[in-house]
Amino acid sequence: MPKMKTNSGAKKRYTLTGSGKIKRKHAYKSHILTKKSKKRKRNLTYFGAVHKADESNAKLLLAMK
């Protein structure tokens, strides 16, 4: 059976932590930033973890399953 290919879009968007969780960036931080508050933009800067419900899909895209 051939090797599973990693989805190149997912490869650019997700990173793995040491404990095996998947990190992601927040959306809504690329344009139309003038109407968003400083606090909102600052909080969108930080990384978040992929939700448990979406973790299996993300792992499939990263060829980890």
C-alpha atoms as a PDB file:
ATOM      1  CA  MET A   1       0.000   0.000   0.000  1.00  0.00           C
ATOM      2  CA  PRO A   2       1.391   3.464  -0.879  1.00  0.00           C
ATOM      3  CA  LYS A   3       2.246   6.078   1.725  1.00  0.00           C
ATOM      4  CA  MET A   4      -0.432   8.560   2.775  1.00  0.00           C
ATOM      5  CA  LYS A   5       0.148  12.045   1.404  1.00  0.00           C
ATOM      6  CA  THR A   6      -0.111  14.992   3.781  1.00  0.00           C
ATOM      7  CA  ASN A   7      -2.601  17.650   2.710  1.00  0.00           C
ATOM      8  CA  SER A   8      -0.402  20.615   1.779  1.00  0.00           C
ATOM      9  CA  GLY A   9      -2.968  23.170   2.983  1.00  0.00           C
ATOM     10  CA  ALA A  10      -3.161  21.527   6.404  1.00  0.00           C
ATOM     11  CA  LYS A  11       0.616  21.223   6.580  1.00  0.00           C
ATOM     12  CA  LYS A  12       0.875  25.032   6.360  1.00  0.00           C
ATOM     13  CA  ARG A  13      -1.882  25.713   8.911  1.00  0.00           C
ATOM     14  CA  TYR A  14      -1.286  23.235  11.737  1.00  0.00           C
ATOM     15  CA  THR A  15       1.679  22.477  13.980  1.00  0.00           C
ATOM     16  CA  LEU A  16       2.099  19.698  16.509  1.00  0.00           C
ATOM     17  CA  THR A  17       2.901  20.234  20.171  1.00  0.00           C
ATOM     18  CA  GLY A  18       5.177  17.981  22.153  1.00  0.00           C
ATOM     19  CA  SER A  19       2.230  16.279  23.828  1.00  0.00           C
ATOM     20  CA  GLY A  20       0.631  15.469  20.461  1.00  0.00           C
ATOM     21  CA  LYS A  21      -2.015  18.198  20.380  1.00  0.00           C
ATOM     22  CA  ILE A  22      -2.540  20.209  17.200  1.00  0.00           C
ATOM     23  CA  LYS A  23      -2.008  23.987  17.295  1.00  0.00           C
ATOM     24  CA  ARG A  24      -3.775  26.399  14.961  1.00  0.00           C
ATOM     25  CA  LYS A  25      -3.928  30.129  14.336  1.00  0.00           C
ATOM     26  CA  HIS A  26      -7.094  32.158  14.825  1.00  0.00           C
ATOM     27  CA  ALA A  27      -9.138  33.408  11.887  1.00  0.00           C
ATOM     28  CA  TYR A  28     -10.253  37.033  11.266  1.00  0.00           C
ATOM     29  CA  LYS A  29      -6.800  38.609  11.642  1.00  0.00           C
ATOM     30  CA  SER A  30      -5.929  39.335   8.004  1.00  0.00           C
ATOM     31  CA  HIS A  31      -7.985  42.347   6.875  1.00  0.00           C
ATOM     32  CA  ILE A  32     -10.721  44.826   7.927  1.00  0.00           C
ATOM     33  CA  LEU A  33      -8.811  45.381  11.162  1.00  0.00           C
ATOM     34  CA  THR A  34      -9.801  49.033  11.711  1.00  0.00           C
ATOM     35  CA  LYS A  35     -13.215  48.206  13.161  1.00  0.00           C
ATOM     36  CA  LYS A  36     -11.859  45.526  15.507  1.00  0.00           C
ATOM     37  CA  SER A  37     -10.751  46.557  18.988  1.00  0.00           C
ATOM     38  CA  LYS A  38      -7.138  46.328  20.124  1.00  0.00           C
ATOM     39  CA  LYS A  39      -8.080  43.673  22.669  1.00  0.00           C
ATOM     40  CA  ARG A  40      -9.806  41.532  20.032  1.00  0.00           C
ATOM     41  CA  LYS A  41      -6.877  41.764  17.606  1.00  0.00           C
ATOM     42  CA  ARG A  42      -4.381  41.002  20.363  1.00  0.00           C
ATOM     43  CA  ASN A  43      -6.312  37.912  21.457  1.00  0.00           C
ATOM     44  CA  LEU A  44      -6.475  36.668  17.851  1.00  0.00           C
ATOM     45  CA  THR A  45      -2.664  36.767  17.720  1.00  0.00           C
ATOM     46  CA  TYR A  46      -2.175  33.799  20.042  1.00  0.00           C
ATOM     47  CA  PHE A  47      -2.314  30.161  18.963  1.00  0.00           C
ATOM     48  CA  GLY A  48      -5.218  27.933  19.941  1.00  0.00           C
ATOM     49  CA  ALA A  49      -5.650  24.192  20.089  1.00  0.00           C
ATOM     50  CA  VAL A  50      -7.797  22.317  17.599  1.00  0.00           C
ATOM     51  CA  HIS A  51     -11.097  21.292  19.222  1.00  0.00           C
ATOM     52  CA  LYS A  52     -11.516  17.625  20.167  1.00  0.00           C
ATOM     53  CA  ALA A  53     -14.395  17.244  17.683  1.00  0.00           C
ATOM     54  CA  ASP A  54     -12.159  18.383  14.799  1.00  0.00           C
ATOM     55  CA  GLU A  55      -8.973  16.651  15.931  1.00  0.00           C
ATOM     56  CA  SER A  56      -9.610  13.398  14.031  1.00  0.00           C
ATOM     57  CA  ASN A  57     -10.205  15.297  10.753  1.00  0.00           C
ATOM     58  CA  ALA A  58      -7.036  17.331  11.240  1.00  0.00           C
ATOM     59  CA  LYS A  59      -5.032  14.160  11.933  1.00  0.00           C
ATOM     60  CA  LEU A  60      -6.369  12.584   8.729  1.00  0.00           C
ATOM     61  CA  LEU A  61      -5.265  15.641   6.741  1.00  0.00           C
ATOM     62  CA  LEU A  62      -1.817  15.489   8.348  1.00  0.00           C
ATOM     63  CA  ALA A  63      -1.590  11.739   7.554  1.00  0.00           C
ATOM     64  CA  MET A  64      -1.241  10.857  11.234  1.00  0.00           C
ATOM     65  CA  LYS A  65      -4.061   8.277  11.231  1.00  0.00           C
END
